[in-house]
């Protein structure tokens, strides 16, 4: 080994040892797990070693790229982000034993996988495909007062994930603190606690953050899985109150989607999903109890929402939306409430092949409209609800037709 290389390697090794003491404090860190962690095909380091990403011993890459990564970081690229070195199609993955990153609806909803990796989820080019725009996400995060950890070299993925702390979150594991193993953290938490993951602990007297869905509301009802039991699993799970689910309403709405104007999404009124109160502008899916009027349901509710508490349930963002991308518009899942193969595309929105009918009918019986004053003429008896009319706030924009 050349003296220069040896010196750099010693410094780097010391750095990684010191960082690992802080970074890997939580249990089950996904990347550093010695049995299922990172394992780059072209390298001979132990599984889970820092050197699989920070190539401190390879003269061709040591010190060449940001953070001593073995490849360029490209933090805002939708196609060349460093994370896609492994989180991509198995044929091009650097990972020796590729771990499938199926879409949320398949992983936690027991449905049929639409995507098996995050790269494809973020880069599908279908006519109705949608995804989080990494550049827009990064720009928005940088516009907030979240600290100087966000700079031009910070990967957009880190707005929602912590590369060193993220845990393997499937199958769902309830940890010793009563939270779950989780792969997400809120970007706006970094100034408060840079090592905090979201959903790894229930709310306490000293910690007022409602990280679990069951802490945020007593009205959560988990949807059905595509195989058996309730989300987020495992199959056959009987947990329905959100005590095994991170509070994604506060995660999504409390972090980015609290603004009316989000870069690239100016026509979407995110304030409908900003808090549990939604004063003056309530969301039926986020605070149904505030506006529920018996006999005026938009299609009779299906199981498990059709019991005596119907109309008082609150949904999680992930009950309907994918976190990375979808073949559907507005990141809508293809599996919802146990029903797979859902599509917002198609020739029209009155039959089972078009627009919102398939999606909404997973939870609503759209052939039954008990509210007598519903304007059924808008869509015809097949739908009998407002779901098929362009939203006046959106004017048929990037949501097309929305509820």
Protein backbone atom coordinates (compact mmCIF):
# COMPACT_ATOMS: atom_id res chain seq x y z
CA UNK A 1 0.00 0.00 0.00
CA UNK A 2 1.34 3.45 -0.87
CA UNK A 3 2.13 5.71 2.12
CA UNK A 4 -0.45 8.28 1.00
CA UNK A 5 -3.11 5.63 0.68
CA UNK A 6 -2.21 4.16 4.05
CA UNK A 7 -2.44 7.57 5.73
CA UNK A 8 -5.82 8.34 4.18
CA UNK A 9 -7.11 4.88 5.02
CA UNK A 10 -6.09 5.21 8.65
CA UNK A 11 -7.77 8.60 8.94
CA UNK A 12 -10.86 7.30 7.15
CA UNK A 13 -11.00 4.17 9.28
CA UNK A 14 -10.75 6.27 12.42
CA UNK A 15 -13.51 8.52 11.12
CA UNK A 16 -15.82 5.60 10.39
CA UNK A 17 -15.20 4.00 13.77
CA UNK A 18 -16.07 7.24 15.54
CA UNK A 19 -19.13 7.83 13.36
CA UNK A 20 -20.39 4.29 13.75
CA UNK A 21 -20.55 4.68 17.52
CA UNK A 22 -23.10 7.46 17.00
CA UNK A 23 -24.75 6.41 13.79
CA UNK A 24 -25.58 2.80 14.59
CA UNK A 25 -26.95 3.17 18.10
CA UNK A 26 -30.51 2.00 17.17
CA UNK A 27 -31.06 -1.69 16.72
CA UNK A 28 -31.28 -3.32 13.29
CA UNK A 29 -29.64 -0.66 11.11
CA UNK A 30 -30.42 -1.78 7.59
CA UNK A 31 -27.15 -0.93 5.85
CA UNK A 32 -24.73 -2.12 8.53
CA UNK A 33 -26.45 -5.37 9.45
CA UNK A 34 -23.83 -8.10 9.30
CA UNK A 35 -26.25 -10.68 7.86
CA UNK A 36 -28.40 -8.63 5.47
CA UNK A 37 -26.61 -5.27 5.13
CA UNK A 38 -24.76 -3.73 2.21
CA UNK A 39 -22.63 -6.19 0.26
CA UNK A 40 -21.19 -4.73 -2.94
CA UNK A 41 -20.48 -7.29 -5.64
CA UNK A 42 -17.19 -5.76 -6.73
CA UNK A 43 -15.78 -5.52 -3.21
CA UNK A 44 -14.56 -8.15 -0.80
CA UNK A 45 -15.36 -6.36 2.45
CA UNK A 46 -17.45 -7.99 5.18
CA UNK A 47 -21.19 -7.66 4.75
CA UNK A 48 -22.42 -4.45 6.34
CA UNK A 49 -19.02 -2.75 6.16
CA UNK A 50 -18.85 1.04 5.69
CA UNK A 51 -16.36 0.42 2.88
CA UNK A 52 -19.10 -0.90 0.60
CA UNK A 53 -20.22 2.72 0.17
CA UNK A 54 -17.21 4.73 1.36
CA UNK A 55 -14.46 3.02 -0.59
CA UNK A 56 -11.48 3.93 1.57
CA UNK A 57 -9.15 1.27 0.19
CA UNK A 58 -9.55 1.68 -3.57
CA UNK A 59 -7.06 4.12 -5.11
CA UNK A 60 -9.32 4.67 -8.11
CA UNK A 61 -12.13 6.12 -5.99
CA UNK A 62 -10.64 6.96 -2.59
CA UNK A 63 -11.15 10.69 -2.08
CA UNK A 64 -12.38 11.24 -5.65
CA UNK A 65 -16.12 11.52 -4.96
CA UNK A 66 -18.05 13.37 -2.26
CA UNK A 67 -17.93 11.67 1.15
CA UNK A 68 -15.44 9.15 -0.30
CA UNK A 69 -18.30 7.32 -2.00
CA UNK A 70 -17.34 4.70 -4.56
CA UNK A 71 -19.43 6.49 -7.22
CA UNK A 72 -20.59 10.10 -7.78
CA UNK A 73 -23.33 11.26 -5.45
CA UNK A 74 -25.53 13.14 -7.98
CA UNK A 75 -27.84 14.17 -5.13
CA UNK A 76 -30.76 15.58 -7.11
CA UNK A 77 -30.67 13.36 -10.16
CA UNK A 78 -33.80 11.29 -10.70
CA UNK A 79 -31.75 8.64 -12.51
CA UNK A 80 -28.17 8.78 -11.20
CA UNK A 81 -28.60 9.27 -7.48
CA UNK A 82 -25.95 7.31 -5.56
CA UNK A 83 -28.65 5.32 -3.75
CA UNK A 84 -29.64 3.82 -7.11
CA UNK A 85 -26.34 1.96 -7.21
CA UNK A 86 -28.17 -0.66 -5.14
CA UNK A 87 -31.83 0.34 -5.02
CA UNK A 88 -32.42 -0.45 -8.68
CA UNK A 89 -33.15 -3.32 -11.04
CA UNK A 90 -31.25 -6.44 -9.88
CA UNK A 91 -29.50 -6.72 -13.24
CA UNK A 92 -27.67 -3.41 -12.70
CA UNK A 93 -27.40 -3.47 -8.93
CA UNK A 94 -24.08 -3.30 -7.09
CA UNK A 95 -25.66 -5.33 -4.29
CA UNK A 96 -24.58 -8.99 -4.20
CA UNK A 97 -27.86 -10.31 -2.81
CA UNK A 98 -30.47 -7.90 -4.11
CA UNK A 99 -33.14 -7.00 -1.58
CA UNK A 100 -36.43 -6.25 -3.29
CA UNK A 101 -37.92 -2.87 -2.49
CA UNK A 102 -41.47 -3.57 -3.56
CA UNK A 103 -43.97 -0.73 -3.57
CA UNK A 104 -45.80 0.02 -0.33
CA UNK A 105 -49.06 -1.57 -1.45
CA UNK A 106 -47.31 -4.88 -2.00
CA UNK A 107 -44.89 -4.79 0.93
CA UNK A 108 -47.27 -3.59 3.62
CA UNK A 109 -50.63 -4.13 1.91
CA UNK A 110 -50.22 -7.71 0.75
CA UNK A 111 -50.96 -6.77 -2.85
CA UNK A 112 -49.33 -7.55 -6.18
CA UNK A 113 -46.00 -5.78 -6.64
CA UNK A 114 -46.02 -3.09 -9.31
CA UNK A 115 -42.36 -2.20 -8.73
CA UNK A 116 -39.60 -4.28 -7.18
CA UNK A 117 -37.13 -1.45 -6.71
CA UNK A 118 -37.11 2.24 -5.84
CA UNK A 119 -35.40 3.38 -9.06
CA UNK A 120 -38.26 2.08 -11.21
CA UNK A 121 -40.86 3.52 -8.84
CA UNK A 122 -39.31 6.97 -9.21
CA UNK A 123 -38.75 6.69 -12.97
CA UNK A 124 -41.79 5.00 -14.49
CA UNK A 125 -42.80 6.81 -17.69
CA UNK A 126 -46.33 5.46 -18.12
CA UNK A 127 -49.15 7.83 -19.14
CA UNK A 128 -50.53 8.11 -15.60
CA UNK A 129 -47.31 7.48 -13.69
CA UNK A 130 -46.35 9.82 -10.86
CA UNK A 131 -43.49 10.03 -8.41
CA UNK A 132 -41.72 12.28 -5.97
CA UNK A 133 -39.52 14.64 -7.95
CA UNK A 134 -36.14 14.47 -6.21
CA UNK A 135 -34.97 17.86 -7.44
CA UNK A 136 -38.21 19.54 -6.31
CA UNK A 137 -38.02 17.72 -2.99
CA UNK A 138 -34.46 18.91 -2.44
CA UNK A 139 -35.29 22.49 -3.45
CA UNK A 140 -38.20 22.61 -1.03
CA UNK A 141 -36.15 21.17 1.82
CA UNK A 142 -33.37 23.70 1.21
CA UNK A 143 -35.91 26.53 1.32
CA UNK A 144 -36.85 25.57 4.88
CA UNK A 145 -34.95 26.39 8.05
CA UNK A 146 -33.85 22.85 8.71
CA UNK A 147 -30.17 23.51 9.33
CA UNK A 148 -26.94 23.54 7.36
CA UNK A 149 -26.87 19.76 6.97
CA UNK A 150 -28.75 20.41 3.72
CA UNK A 151 -26.37 21.57 1.01
CA UNK A 152 -25.74 21.04 -2.68
CA UNK A 153 -24.14 17.66 -2.02
CA UNK A 154 -26.90 16.27 0.20
CA UNK A 155 -28.87 13.49 -1.44
CA UNK A 156 -32.56 14.25 -1.82
CA UNK A 157 -33.25 10.80 -0.38
CA UNK A 158 -31.98 12.04 2.99
CA UNK A 159 -34.91 14.42 3.33
CA UNK A 160 -37.00 11.38 4.29
CA UNK A 161 -34.33 8.83 5.20
CA UNK A 162 -31.17 8.66 7.29
CA UNK A 163 -28.69 6.52 5.43
CA UNK A 164 -26.86 5.41 8.59
CA UNK A 165 -29.81 4.99 10.92
CA UNK A 166 -32.55 3.60 8.69
CA UNK A 167 -33.76 0.23 9.87
CA UNK A 168 -35.13 -2.75 8.00
CA UNK A 169 -38.85 -2.05 8.35
CA UNK A 170 -40.29 -5.19 6.79
CA UNK A 171 -41.58 -7.43 8.15
CA UNK A 172 -43.05 -5.04 10.70
CA UNK A 173 -41.28 -5.44 14.04
CA UNK A 174 -42.47 -3.79 17.24
CA UNK A 175 -39.36 -2.82 19.17
CA UNK A 176 -38.70 -2.78 22.91
CA UNK A 177 -39.86 0.83 23.17
CA UNK A 178 -43.27 0.03 21.72
CA UNK A 179 -42.62 1.66 18.34
CA UNK A 180 -41.58 -0.12 15.17
CA UNK A 181 -38.39 -0.56 13.21
CA UNK A 182 -38.56 2.27 10.70
CA UNK A 183 -36.67 3.51 7.67
CA UNK A 184 -37.86 7.13 7.77
CA UNK A 185 -37.02 10.33 9.59
CA UNK A 186 -38.45 13.83 9.20
CA UNK A 187 -36.14 16.39 7.64
CA UNK A 188 -37.44 19.13 9.92
CA UNK A 189 -36.48 17.06 12.98
CA UNK A 190 -32.78 17.32 12.24
CA UNK A 191 -32.27 20.58 14.13
CA UNK A 192 -34.00 19.09 17.17
CA UNK A 193 -32.57 15.59 17.17
CA UNK A 194 -30.47 14.53 14.17
CA UNK A 195 -30.55 10.87 15.17
CA UNK A 196 -34.32 10.63 15.62
CA UNK A 197 -36.20 8.15 13.46
CA UNK A 198 -39.93 8.58 12.90
CA UNK A 199 -42.20 5.88 14.29
CA UNK A 200 -39.64 4.12 16.45
CA UNK A 201 -41.24 5.10 19.74
CA UNK A 202 -44.71 5.93 21.08
CA UNK A 203 -45.55 9.31 22.53
CA UNK A 204 -44.50 9.94 26.13
CA UNK A 205 -44.93 12.75 28.65
CA UNK A 206 -41.45 14.07 27.89
CA UNK A 207 -41.69 13.50 24.15
CA UNK A 208 -44.77 15.23 22.79
CA UNK A 209 -44.26 14.07 19.20
CA UNK A 210 -47.03 11.71 18.07
CA UNK A 211 -44.81 9.36 16.08
CA UNK A 212 -47.30 6.50 15.98
CA UNK A 213 -50.65 6.70 14.20
CA UNK A 214 -52.35 5.53 17.40
CA UNK A 215 -50.81 8.51 19.25
CA UNK A 216 -52.02 11.02 16.69
CA UNK A 217 -55.64 9.87 16.64
CA UNK A 218 -57.88 7.33 18.34
CA UNK A 219 -59.93 7.17 15.15
CA UNK A 220 -57.54 5.28 12.92
CA UNK A 221 -58.77 2.07 11.30
CA UNK A 222 -56.21 -0.01 9.42
CA UNK A 223 -57.34 -1.11 5.93
CA UNK A 224 -57.51 -4.73 4.89
CA UNK A 225 -54.47 -6.45 3.41
CA UNK A 226 -54.58 -8.07 0.01
CA UNK A 227 -53.95 -11.50 1.51
CA UNK A 228 -55.30 -11.63 5.06
CA UNK A 229 -55.58 -9.45 8.12
CA UNK A 230 -54.87 -5.75 8.35
CA UNK A 231 -52.11 -3.41 7.21
CA UNK A 232 -49.26 -2.89 7.65
CA UNK A 233 -48.87 -6.55 8.39
CA UNK A 234 -47.62 -9.13 8.66
CA UNK A 235 -50.25 -11.23 6.90
CA UNK A 236 -52.97 -12.16 9.34
CA UNK A 237 -52.27 -9.21 11.64
CA UNK A 238 -55.22 -8.23 13.84
CA UNK A 239 -53.78 -4.83 14.85
CA UNK A 240 -56.13 -2.13 13.59
CA UNK A 241 -55.51 1.00 15.71
CA UNK A 242 -52.25 2.17 14.11
CA UNK A 243 -50.01 1.23 17.04
CA UNK A 244 -47.77 -0.59 14.54
CA UNK A 245 -47.77 2.24 11.97
CA UNK A 246 -45.68 5.45 11.95
CA UNK A 247 -47.80 8.59 11.91
CA UNK A 248 -47.47 9.35 8.22
CA UNK A 249 -49.96 12.21 8.38
CA UNK A 250 -47.55 14.25 10.47
CA UNK A 251 -44.60 12.81 8.57
CA UNK A 252 -45.91 13.94 5.16
CA UNK A 253 -48.15 16.88 5.99
CA UNK A 254 -46.04 18.16 8.85
CA UNK A 255 -42.83 18.08 6.84
CA UNK A 256 -43.52 19.17 3.26
CA UNK A 257 -47.19 18.96 2.33
CA UNK A 258 -48.32 21.65 4.72
CA UNK A 259 -47.94 24.36 2.10
CA UNK A 260 -50.38 25.29 -0.62
CA UNK A 261 -47.51 25.84 -3.04
CA UNK A 262 -45.10 22.95 -3.24
CA UNK A 263 -42.56 23.18 -6.10
CA UNK A 264 -43.95 21.41 -9.13
CA UNK A 265 -47.35 20.95 -7.50
CA UNK A 266 -48.74 24.48 -7.29
CA UNK A 267 -52.32 23.49 -8.08
CA UNK A 268 -52.68 21.10 -5.14
CA UNK A 269 -54.10 22.46 -1.91
CA UNK A 270 -52.05 20.61 0.68
CA UNK A 271 -53.72 22.53 3.52
CA UNK A 272 -56.57 20.05 3.24
CA UNK A 273 -54.20 17.53 4.79
CA UNK A 274 -52.17 19.68 7.15
CA UNK A 275 -53.58 19.04 10.63
CA UNK A 276 -56.24 16.92 12.24
CA UNK A 277 -58.48 19.98 12.58
CA UNK A 278 -58.57 21.39 9.06
CA UNK A 279 -60.61 24.41 10.21
CA UNK A 280 -62.88 25.72 7.50
CA UNK A 281 -61.58 23.24 4.94
CA UNK A 282 -61.94 19.71 6.28
CA UNK A 283 -60.84 16.60 4.45
CA UNK A 284 -63.26 13.71 4.43
CA UNK A 285 -60.42 11.23 4.49
CA UNK A 286 -58.40 13.02 7.12
CA UNK A 287 -61.04 14.22 9.56
CA UNK A 288 -64.28 12.56 8.60
CA UNK A 289 -65.78 12.86 12.08
CA UNK A 290 -65.85 16.65 11.81
CA UNK A 291 -68.20 16.67 8.83
CA UNK A 292 -69.90 13.28 8.83
CA UNK A 293 -73.61 13.44 8.09
CA UNK A 294 -75.39 10.06 8.36
CA UNK A 295 -77.30 9.28 5.21
CA UNK A 296 -75.02 11.42 3.09
CA UNK A 297 -72.20 8.99 2.51
CA UNK A 298 -70.51 8.97 -0.86
CA UNK A 299 -71.29 5.37 -1.55
CA UNK A 300 -71.90 3.00 1.34
CA UNK A 301 -68.65 2.21 3.09
CA UNK A 302 -67.16 -1.25 2.73
CA UNK A 303 -65.39 -3.35 5.35
CA UNK A 304 -63.66 -2.53 7.64
CA UNK A 305 -65.12 0.99 7.61
CA UNK A 306 -68.78 -0.04 7.58
CA UNK A 307 -69.28 -0.60 11.31
CA UNK A 308 -70.99 1.59 13.91
CA UNK A 309 -68.04 3.98 13.95
CA UNK A 310 -68.26 4.73 10.24
CA UNK A 311 -67.66 8.34 9.42
CA UNK A 312 -65.33 8.88 12.36
CA UNK A 313 -62.28 7.15 10.96
CA UNK A 314 -59.07 8.93 9.98
CA UNK A 315 -56.79 7.56 7.28
CA UNK A 316 -53.03 7.48 6.95
CA UNK A 317 -51.48 8.97 3.81
CA UNK A 318 -49.97 5.58 3.04
CA UNK A 319 -53.39 3.91 3.07
CA UNK A 320 -53.91 5.41 -0.38
CA UNK A 321 -50.57 6.79 -1.58
CA UNK A 322 -47.16 5.34 -2.44
CA UNK A 323 -44.12 7.06 -0.89
CA UNK A 324 -41.88 6.82 -3.96
CA UNK A 325 -43.94 6.45 -7.12
CA UNK A 326 -46.87 4.73 -8.77
CA UNK A 327 -48.24 3.77 -12.17
CA UNK A 328 -51.29 5.77 -11.07
CA UNK A 329 -51.71 9.53 -10.91
CA UNK A 330 -50.82 11.39 -7.70
CA UNK A 331 -48.86 8.43 -6.28
CA UNK A 332 -52.05 6.46 -5.69
CA UNK A 333 -51.51 2.83 -4.80
CA UNK A 334 -52.55 -0.03 -7.05
CA UNK A 335 -53.63 -2.04 -3.98
CA UNK A 336 -56.02 -0.35 -1.57
CA UNK A 337 -58.01 -1.96 1.23
CA UNK A 338 -57.22 -5.45 -0.01
CA UNK A 339 -58.14 -4.77 -3.63
CA UNK A 340 -55.30 -5.07 -6.18
CA UNK A 341 -54.93 -4.01 -9.78
CA UNK A 342 -56.41 -0.53 -9.24
CA UNK A 343 -55.89 2.04 -11.95
CA UNK A 344 -56.72 5.69 -12.37
CA UNK A 345 -56.24 5.38 -16.12
CA UNK A 346 -58.61 4.09 -18.76
CA UNK A 347 -61.01 5.47 -21.34
CA UNK A 348 -63.46 7.08 -18.95
CA UNK A 349 -64.50 7.36 -15.34
CA UNK A 350 -67.99 5.84 -15.32
CA UNK A 351 -67.05 2.19 -15.83
CA UNK A 352 -64.76 -0.18 -14.00
CA UNK A 353 -61.86 0.64 -16.30
CA UNK A 354 -61.65 4.36 -15.87
CA UNK A 355 -60.24 7.16 -13.80
CA UNK A 356 -61.36 7.12 -10.15
CA UNK A 357 -64.04 4.45 -10.14
CA UNK A 358 -61.70 1.51 -9.54
CA UNK A 359 -59.73 3.31 -6.89
CA UNK A 360 -62.60 4.73 -4.85
CA UNK A 361 -64.69 1.58 -5.08
CA UNK A 362 -62.08 -0.24 -3.00
CA UNK A 363 -63.67 1.41 0.06
CA UNK A 364 -66.99 2.75 -1.27
CA UNK A 365 -69.90 0.99 -2.93
CA UNK A 366 -70.43 3.47 -5.74
CA UNK A 367 -73.54 1.70 -6.99
CA UNK A 368 -75.29 2.62 -3.75
CA UNK A 369 -75.85 6.27 -2.87
CA UNK A 370 -78.07 6.62 0.21
CA UNK A 371 -77.97 10.42 0.14
CA UNK A 372 -81.09 11.32 -1.82
CA UNK A 373 -79.85 14.78 -2.73
CA UNK A 374 -76.64 13.54 -4.33
CA UNK A 375 -76.48 14.91 -7.89
CA UNK A 376 -76.48 11.52 -9.60
CA UNK A 377 -76.97 13.15 -12.97
CA UNK A 378 -73.37 14.29 -12.91
CA UNK A 379 -72.05 10.81 -13.48
CA UNK A 380 -75.03 8.57 -13.93
CA UNK A 381 -76.30 5.78 -11.74
CA UNK A 382 -73.06 3.82 -12.13
CA UNK A 383 -71.24 6.22 -9.87
CA UNK A 384 -73.86 8.39 -8.19
CA UNK A 385 -71.43 10.68 -6.42
CA UNK A 386 -69.21 13.72 -6.79
CA UNK A 387 -66.08 11.72 -7.45
CA UNK A 388 -66.30 12.08 -11.20
CA UNK A 389 -66.43 15.84 -11.50
CA UNK A 390 -63.32 17.99 -11.89
CA UNK A 391 -62.32 19.49 -8.58
CA UNK A 392 -63.04 23.25 -8.68
CA UNK A 393 -59.82 24.10 -6.85
CA UNK A 394 -57.74 21.99 -9.18
CA UNK A 395 -59.54 22.62 -12.46
CA UNK A 396 -58.68 19.15 -13.65
CA UNK A 397 -54.97 19.83 -13.15
CA UNK A 398 -52.34 17.26 -12.29
CA UNK A 399 -54.89 15.31 -10.26
CA UNK A 400 -57.17 15.08 -13.32
CA UNK A 401 -60.31 14.08 -11.48
CA UNK A 402 -60.05 13.99 -7.75
CA UNK A 403 -62.22 13.49 -4.71
